[in-house]
Amino acid sequence: MNSITVVVGIPHKILNPNNAPRTAHGIKGKDAERKRQRDSAWKCSLSALDGRDAPMWEYARVHARYYHKNKRNMGKRDADNAIASLKGAIDGIADAGIVVNDSGIRWGEVELEHVDPSFPRVELVVFQEV
């Protein structure tokens, strides 16, 4: 089975669906952060491809592995919100050509319990599906 691992930063708390902005300034901030996440994921996706042509998979399954800075941060997310906060990253993966369109992505496992104080991150393992 073909797979590509894209490593992105932990999503900013403003991207969590439970943190709905209540002002126009807050909405603009959330949009700006999602765009930043998308651009970052696009760059990380190109890096993960390591010079290879983008595969343009029609369907893919994504497994997410969160590595938190400490155990205290682990309990602040549930799987549904963790997935929703990665929307910009999924768009960036599609922009890089790993998948044709983000509508072809299905979610697999979402692991929230890892700790790495030196490098907090989310590893998105994208598997080709046929």
N, C-alpha and C. Protein backbone atom coordinates (compact mmCIF):
# COMPACT_ATOMS: atom_id res chain seq x y z
N MET A 1 0.85 -1.18 0.00
CA MET A 1 0.00 0.00 0.00
C MET A 1 0.89 1.24 0.00
N ASN A 2 0.63 2.17 -0.89
CA ASN A 2 1.40 3.41 -0.99
C ASN A 2 1.00 4.37 0.12
N SER A 3 1.99 5.03 0.70
CA SER A 3 1.69 6.03 1.72
C SER A 3 2.72 7.16 1.68
N ILE A 4 2.30 8.32 2.16
CA ILE A 4 3.16 9.49 2.29
C ILE A 4 2.87 10.09 3.66
N THR A 5 3.93 10.41 4.42
CA THR A 5 3.76 11.02 5.73
C THR A 5 4.09 12.51 5.65
N VAL A 6 3.11 13.31 6.03
CA VAL A 6 3.25 14.77 6.04
C VAL A 6 3.24 15.21 7.50
N VAL A 7 4.27 15.93 7.91
CA VAL A 7 4.39 16.39 9.30
C VAL A 7 4.07 17.88 9.35
N VAL A 8 3.07 18.23 10.17
CA VAL A 8 2.66 19.63 10.32
C VAL A 8 2.67 19.99 11.80
N GLY A 9 2.58 21.27 12.09
CA GLY A 9 2.53 21.73 13.48
C GLY A 9 1.18 21.44 14.11
N ILE A 10 1.16 21.45 15.43
CA ILE A 10 -0.10 21.31 16.17
C ILE A 10 -1.00 22.48 15.78
N PRO A 11 -2.26 22.23 15.42
CA PRO A 11 -3.15 23.33 15.02
C PRO A 11 -3.36 24.35 16.15
N HIS A 12 -3.41 25.61 15.78
CA HIS A 12 -3.67 26.69 16.74
C HIS A 12 -5.06 26.47 17.34
N LYS A 13 -5.23 26.85 18.60
CA LYS A 13 -6.51 26.62 19.29
C LYS A 13 -7.67 27.35 18.62
N ILE A 14 -7.40 28.41 17.87
CA ILE A 14 -8.49 29.13 17.20
C ILE A 14 -9.17 28.26 16.13
N LEU A 15 -8.46 27.23 15.65
CA LEU A 15 -9.04 26.35 14.61
C LEU A 15 -9.94 25.26 15.19
N ASN A 16 -9.94 25.11 16.51
CA ASN A 16 -10.82 24.14 17.15
C ASN A 16 -12.27 24.61 16.99
N PRO A 17 -13.19 23.75 16.52
CA PRO A 17 -14.59 24.15 16.34
C PRO A 17 -15.27 24.64 17.62
N ASN A 18 -14.77 24.23 18.77
CA ASN A 18 -15.36 24.70 20.03
C ASN A 18 -14.95 26.13 20.38
N ASN A 19 -14.01 26.69 19.66
CA ASN A 19 -13.56 28.06 19.89
C ASN A 19 -14.08 28.96 18.78
N ALA A 20 -15.38 29.04 18.65
CA ALA A 20 -15.98 29.86 17.60
C ALA A 20 -15.71 31.34 17.86
N PRO A 21 -15.18 32.07 16.86
CA PRO A 21 -14.95 33.50 17.04
C PRO A 21 -16.28 34.25 17.15
N ARG A 22 -16.29 35.29 17.97
CA ARG A 22 -17.53 36.03 18.21
C ARG A 22 -17.52 37.43 17.62
N THR A 23 -16.41 37.79 16.98
CA THR A 23 -16.32 39.12 16.38
C THR A 23 -15.79 39.01 14.96
N ALA A 24 -15.94 40.08 14.19
CA ALA A 24 -15.41 40.10 12.83
C ALA A 24 -13.89 39.94 12.85
N HIS A 25 -13.25 40.56 13.84
CA HIS A 25 -11.80 40.43 13.98
C HIS A 25 -11.41 38.98 14.25
N GLY A 26 -12.18 38.30 15.09
CA GLY A 26 -11.91 36.89 15.39
C GLY A 26 -12.10 35.99 14.19
N ILE A 27 -13.12 36.29 13.36
CA ILE A 27 -13.36 35.49 12.15
C ILE A 27 -12.20 35.66 11.18
N LYS A 28 -11.73 36.91 11.02
CA LYS A 28 -10.58 37.16 10.14
C LYS A 28 -9.35 36.44 10.66
N GLY A 29 -9.18 36.41 11.97
CA GLY A 29 -8.04 35.71 12.55
C GLY A 29 -8.09 34.22 12.30
N LYS A 30 -9.28 33.64 12.40
CA LYS A 30 -9.44 32.21 12.14
C LYS A 30 -9.16 31.90 10.67
N ASP A 31 -9.67 32.74 9.78
CA ASP A 31 -9.42 32.56 8.34
C ASP A 31 -7.93 32.66 8.02
N ALA A 32 -7.26 33.64 8.63
CA ALA A 32 -5.83 33.82 8.40
C ALA A 32 -5.03 32.62 8.91
N GLU A 33 -5.42 32.10 10.06
CA GLU A 33 -4.72 30.94 10.62
C GLU A 33 -4.94 29.70 9.76
N ARG A 34 -6.17 29.52 9.25
CA ARG A 34 -6.44 28.38 8.38
C ARG A 34 -5.62 28.48 7.09
N LYS A 35 -5.48 29.69 6.54
CA LYS A 35 -4.66 29.89 5.34
C LYS A 35 -3.19 29.59 5.64
N ARG A 36 -2.73 30.03 6.80
CA ARG A 36 -1.34 29.75 7.20
C ARG A 36 -1.12 28.24 7.32
N GLN A 37 -2.09 27.54 7.92
CA GLN A 37 -2.00 26.09 8.07
C GLN A 37 -1.99 25.41 6.70
N ARG A 38 -2.82 25.90 5.80
CA ARG A 38 -2.89 25.33 4.45
C ARG A 38 -1.57 25.51 3.72
N ASP A 39 -1.01 26.72 3.77
CA ASP A 39 0.27 26.99 3.11
C ASP A 39 1.39 26.15 3.70
N SER A 40 1.40 26.02 5.02
CA SER A 40 2.42 25.23 5.69
C SER A 40 2.32 23.75 5.29
N ALA A 41 1.09 23.22 5.25
CA ALA A 41 0.89 21.82 4.88
C ALA A 41 1.27 21.58 3.42
N TRP A 42 1.03 22.56 2.57
CA TRP A 42 1.43 22.45 1.16
C TRP A 42 2.95 22.31 1.07
N LYS A 43 3.68 23.17 1.79
CA LYS A 43 5.14 23.11 1.78
C LYS A 43 5.64 21.78 2.38
N CYS A 44 5.03 21.35 3.48
CA CYS A 44 5.43 20.09 4.10
C CYS A 44 5.13 18.90 3.20
N SER A 45 4.04 18.98 2.44
CA SER A 45 3.68 17.91 1.50
C SER A 45 4.70 17.82 0.38
N LEU A 46 5.10 18.96 -0.15
CA LEU A 46 6.12 18.96 -1.21
C LEU A 46 7.44 18.39 -0.68
N SER A 47 7.77 18.73 0.56
CA SER A 47 8.97 18.19 1.18
C SER A 47 8.87 16.67 1.35
N ALA A 48 7.68 16.19 1.75
CA ALA A 48 7.47 14.75 1.93
C ALA A 48 7.58 14.00 0.59
N LEU A 49 7.20 14.66 -0.50
CA LEU A 49 7.32 14.03 -1.82
C LEU A 49 8.77 13.92 -2.25
N ASP A 50 9.64 14.76 -1.69
CA ASP A 50 11.08 14.68 -1.90
C ASP A 50 11.45 14.67 -3.39
N GLY A 51 10.85 15.58 -4.15
CA GLY A 51 11.19 15.71 -5.56
C GLY A 51 10.44 14.78 -6.50
N ARG A 52 9.70 13.83 -5.95
CA ARG A 52 8.92 12.92 -6.80
C ARG A 52 7.70 13.66 -7.34
N ASP A 53 7.16 13.17 -8.44
CA ASP A 53 5.92 13.73 -8.98
C ASP A 53 4.78 13.48 -8.01
N ALA A 54 3.87 14.45 -7.93
CA ALA A 54 2.69 14.29 -7.07
C ALA A 54 1.84 13.14 -7.61
N PRO A 55 1.40 12.24 -6.73
CA PRO A 55 0.69 11.05 -7.20
C PRO A 55 -0.74 11.30 -7.69
N MET A 56 -1.39 12.38 -7.20
CA MET A 56 -2.76 12.69 -7.61
C MET A 56 -3.71 11.51 -7.39
N TRP A 57 -3.69 10.94 -6.18
CA TRP A 57 -4.58 9.83 -5.86
C TRP A 57 -6.01 10.32 -5.85
N GLU A 58 -6.91 9.50 -6.35
CA GLU A 58 -8.32 9.86 -6.35
C GLU A 58 -8.92 9.70 -4.96
N TYR A 59 -8.51 8.63 -4.26
CA TYR A 59 -9.02 8.36 -2.92
C TYR A 59 -7.86 8.07 -1.99
N ALA A 60 -7.99 8.55 -0.76
CA ALA A 60 -6.94 8.33 0.24
C ALA A 60 -7.56 8.24 1.62
N ARG A 61 -6.85 7.56 2.51
CA ARG A 61 -7.23 7.48 3.92
C ARG A 61 -6.11 8.15 4.71
N VAL A 62 -6.49 8.99 5.67
CA VAL A 62 -5.51 9.72 6.47
C VAL A 62 -5.58 9.26 7.92
N HIS A 63 -4.42 8.92 8.46
CA HIS A 63 -4.29 8.63 9.89
C HIS A 63 -3.54 9.80 10.50
N ALA A 64 -4.03 10.32 11.61
CA ALA A 64 -3.39 11.44 12.29
C ALA A 64 -2.81 10.99 13.61
N ARG A 65 -1.57 11.40 13.86
CA ARG A 65 -0.88 11.09 15.10
C ARG A 65 -0.42 12.41 15.72
N TYR A 66 -1.05 12.80 16.83
CA TYR A 66 -0.70 14.03 17.54
C TYR A 66 0.43 13.75 18.53
N TYR A 67 1.47 14.58 18.50
CA TYR A 67 2.55 14.52 19.48
C TYR A 67 2.52 15.85 20.25
N HIS A 68 2.05 15.80 21.50
CA HIS A 68 1.89 16.99 22.32
C HIS A 68 3.18 17.34 23.05
N LYS A 69 3.27 18.59 23.50
CA LYS A 69 4.43 19.06 24.23
C LYS A 69 4.51 18.41 25.61
N ASN A 70 3.35 18.17 26.22
CA ASN A 70 3.32 17.53 27.54
C ASN A 70 1.98 16.82 27.72
N LYS A 71 1.87 16.03 28.77
CA LYS A 71 0.64 15.26 29.02
C LYS A 71 -0.55 16.16 29.31
N ARG A 72 -0.30 17.34 29.86
CA ARG A 72 -1.38 18.26 30.20
C ARG A 72 -2.19 18.66 28.95
N ASN A 73 -1.54 18.77 27.81
CA ASN A 73 -2.22 19.18 26.58
C ASN A 73 -2.99 18.05 25.91
N MET A 74 -2.75 16.82 26.31
CA MET A 74 -3.36 15.67 25.63
C MET A 74 -4.87 15.62 25.81
N GLY A 75 -5.37 15.97 26.96
CA GLY A 75 -6.79 15.83 27.25
C GLY A 75 -7.67 16.92 26.66
N LYS A 76 -7.09 17.87 25.96
CA LYS A 76 -7.86 19.01 25.48
C LYS A 76 -8.49 18.79 24.11
N ARG A 77 -8.32 17.65 23.51
CA ARG A 77 -8.87 17.40 22.18
C ARG A 77 -9.62 16.08 22.16
N ASP A 78 -10.68 16.04 21.38
CA ASP A 78 -11.29 14.76 21.07
C ASP A 78 -11.09 14.55 19.57
N ALA A 79 -11.32 13.35 19.10
CA ALA A 79 -11.00 13.00 17.72
C ALA A 79 -11.75 13.87 16.71
N ASP A 80 -13.02 14.13 16.93
CA ASP A 80 -13.80 14.93 15.98
C ASP A 80 -13.24 16.34 15.85
N ASN A 81 -12.94 16.97 16.97
CA ASN A 81 -12.39 18.32 16.92
C ASN A 81 -10.97 18.34 16.37
N ALA A 82 -10.21 17.29 16.66
CA ALA A 82 -8.85 17.20 16.12
C ALA A 82 -8.88 17.13 14.60
N ILE A 83 -9.82 16.37 14.05
CA ILE A 83 -9.97 16.27 12.60
C ILE A 83 -10.39 17.62 12.01
N ALA A 84 -11.39 18.23 12.63
CA ALA A 84 -11.89 19.52 12.11
C ALA A 84 -10.82 20.60 12.15
N SER A 85 -9.96 20.57 13.15
CA SER A 85 -8.92 21.61 13.24
C SER A 85 -7.82 21.42 12.21
N LEU A 86 -7.82 20.30 11.50
CA LEU A 86 -6.82 20.02 10.46
C LEU A 86 -7.33 20.30 9.05
N LYS A 87 -8.48 20.94 8.91
CA LYS A 87 -9.06 21.20 7.59
C LYS A 87 -8.09 21.92 6.65
N GLY A 88 -7.41 22.95 7.15
CA GLY A 88 -6.45 23.68 6.34
C GLY A 88 -5.30 22.79 5.88
N ALA A 89 -4.85 21.89 6.77
CA ALA A 89 -3.76 20.97 6.42
C ALA A 89 -4.19 20.01 5.31
N ILE A 90 -5.42 19.52 5.39
CA ILE A 90 -5.92 18.62 4.35
C ILE A 90 -6.01 19.36 3.01
N ASP A 91 -6.45 20.61 3.05
CA ASP A 91 -6.48 21.41 1.81
C ASP A 91 -5.08 21.57 1.24
N GLY A 92 -4.08 21.78 2.10
CA GLY A 92 -2.70 21.92 1.64
C GLY A 92 -2.17 20.64 1.01
N ILE A 93 -2.56 19.49 1.57
CA ILE A 93 -2.16 18.20 1.00
C ILE A 93 -2.75 18.04 -0.40
N ALA A 94 -4.01 18.45 -0.56
CA ALA A 94 -4.65 18.40 -1.88
C ALA A 94 -3.99 19.39 -2.84
N ASP A 95 -3.65 20.58 -2.35
CA ASP A 95 -2.98 21.59 -3.19
C ASP A 95 -1.66 21.06 -3.72
N ALA A 96 -0.96 20.25 -2.93
CA ALA A 96 0.34 19.71 -3.33
C ALA A 96 0.19 18.56 -4.33
N GLY A 97 -1.04 18.07 -4.54
CA GLY A 97 -1.26 17.02 -5.53
C GLY A 97 -1.17 15.61 -5.01
N ILE A 98 -1.12 15.43 -3.71
CA ILE A 98 -1.10 14.06 -3.18
C ILE A 98 -2.45 13.40 -3.47
N VAL A 99 -3.51 14.16 -3.32
CA VAL A 99 -4.84 13.70 -3.72
C VAL A 99 -5.40 14.70 -4.73
N VAL A 100 -6.30 14.23 -5.57
CA VAL A 100 -6.90 15.09 -6.59
C VAL A 100 -7.74 16.18 -5.92
N ASN A 101 -8.54 15.77 -4.95
CA ASN A 101 -9.46 16.69 -4.29
C ASN A 101 -9.65 16.20 -2.86
N ASP A 102 -9.79 17.13 -1.92
CA ASP A 102 -9.93 16.69 -0.53
C ASP A 102 -11.24 15.94 -0.27
N SER A 103 -12.17 15.96 -1.21
CA SER A 103 -13.40 15.20 -1.03
C SER A 103 -13.15 13.69 -1.14
N GLY A 104 -11.99 13.30 -1.68
CA GLY A 104 -11.63 11.89 -1.79
C GLY A 104 -10.91 11.36 -0.56
N ILE A 105 -10.82 12.17 0.48
CA ILE A 105 -10.11 11.76 1.70
C ILE A 105 -11.08 11.21 2.73
N ARG A 106 -10.73 10.08 3.30
CA ARG A 106 -11.47 9.47 4.40
C ARG A 106 -10.54 9.43 5.60
N TRP A 107 -11.10 9.53 6.81
CA TRP A 107 -10.29 9.53 8.00
C TRP A 107 -10.16 8.13 8.56
N GLY A 108 -8.96 7.78 8.95
CA GLY A 108 -8.68 6.52 9.63
C GLY A 108 -8.51 6.80 11.11
N GLU A 109 -7.47 6.25 11.69
CA GLU A 109 -7.20 6.42 13.11
C GLU A 109 -6.77 7.84 13.43
N VAL A 110 -7.18 8.31 14.59
CA VAL A 110 -6.71 9.59 15.12
C VAL A 110 -6.15 9.30 16.51
N GLU A 111 -4.82 9.36 16.63
CA GLU A 111 -4.14 9.07 17.89
C GLU A 111 -3.79 10.39 18.57
N LEU A 112 -4.29 10.58 19.77
CA LEU A 112 -4.11 11.86 20.47
C LEU A 112 -3.19 11.77 21.68
N GLU A 113 -2.65 10.58 21.97
CA GLU A 113 -2.01 10.37 23.27
C GLU A 113 -0.48 10.38 23.27
N HIS A 114 0.16 10.82 22.21
CA HIS A 114 1.63 10.82 22.17
C HIS A 114 2.20 12.11 22.76
N VAL A 115 3.41 12.02 23.33
CA VAL A 115 4.09 13.18 23.89
C VAL A 115 5.51 13.24 23.33
N ASP A 116 5.91 14.43 22.87
CA ASP A 116 7.28 14.68 22.43
C ASP A 116 7.61 16.14 22.77
N PRO A 117 8.20 16.38 23.95
CA PRO A 117 8.44 17.76 24.38
C PRO A 117 9.35 18.55 23.44
N SER A 118 10.23 17.86 22.74
CA SER A 118 11.18 18.57 21.87
C SER A 118 10.61 18.91 20.50
N PHE A 119 9.53 18.25 20.08
CA PHE A 119 9.00 18.50 18.73
C PHE A 119 7.50 18.19 18.67
N PRO A 120 6.65 19.06 19.25
CA PRO A 120 5.20 18.85 19.13
C PRO A 120 4.79 18.94 17.66
N ARG A 121 3.92 18.03 17.24
CA ARG A 121 3.57 17.97 15.81
C ARG A 121 2.36 17.07 15.60
N VAL A 122 1.89 17.08 14.35
CA VAL A 122 0.89 16.11 13.91
C VAL A 122 1.47 15.41 12.69
N GLU A 123 1.53 14.11 12.74
CA GLU A 123 1.96 13.33 11.58
C GLU A 123 0.70 12.85 10.86
N LEU A 124 0.57 13.24 9.62
CA LEU A 124 -0.57 12.82 8.79
C LEU A 124 -0.05 11.80 7.80
N VAL A 125 -0.44 10.55 8.01
CA VAL A 125 -0.02 9.47 7.12
C VAL A 125 -1.15 9.26 6.11
N VAL A 126 -0.84 9.56 4.85
CA VAL A 126 -1.84 9.49 3.78
C VAL A 126 -1.62 8.20 3.01
N PHE A 127 -2.62 7.33 3.01
CA PHE A 127 -2.55 6.04 2.32
C PHE A 127 -3.41 6.10 1.06
N GLN A 128 -2.89 5.59 -0.02
CA GLN A 128 -3.68 5.51 -1.26
C GLN A 128 -4.76 4.44 -1.07
N GLU A 129 -5.96 4.76 -1.52
CA GLU A 129 -7.05 3.78 -1.53
C GLU A 129 -7.51 3.62 -2.97
N VAL A 130 -7.90 2.41 -3.30
CA VAL A 130 -8.39 2.14 -4.66
C VAL A 130 -9.83 1.72 -4.64
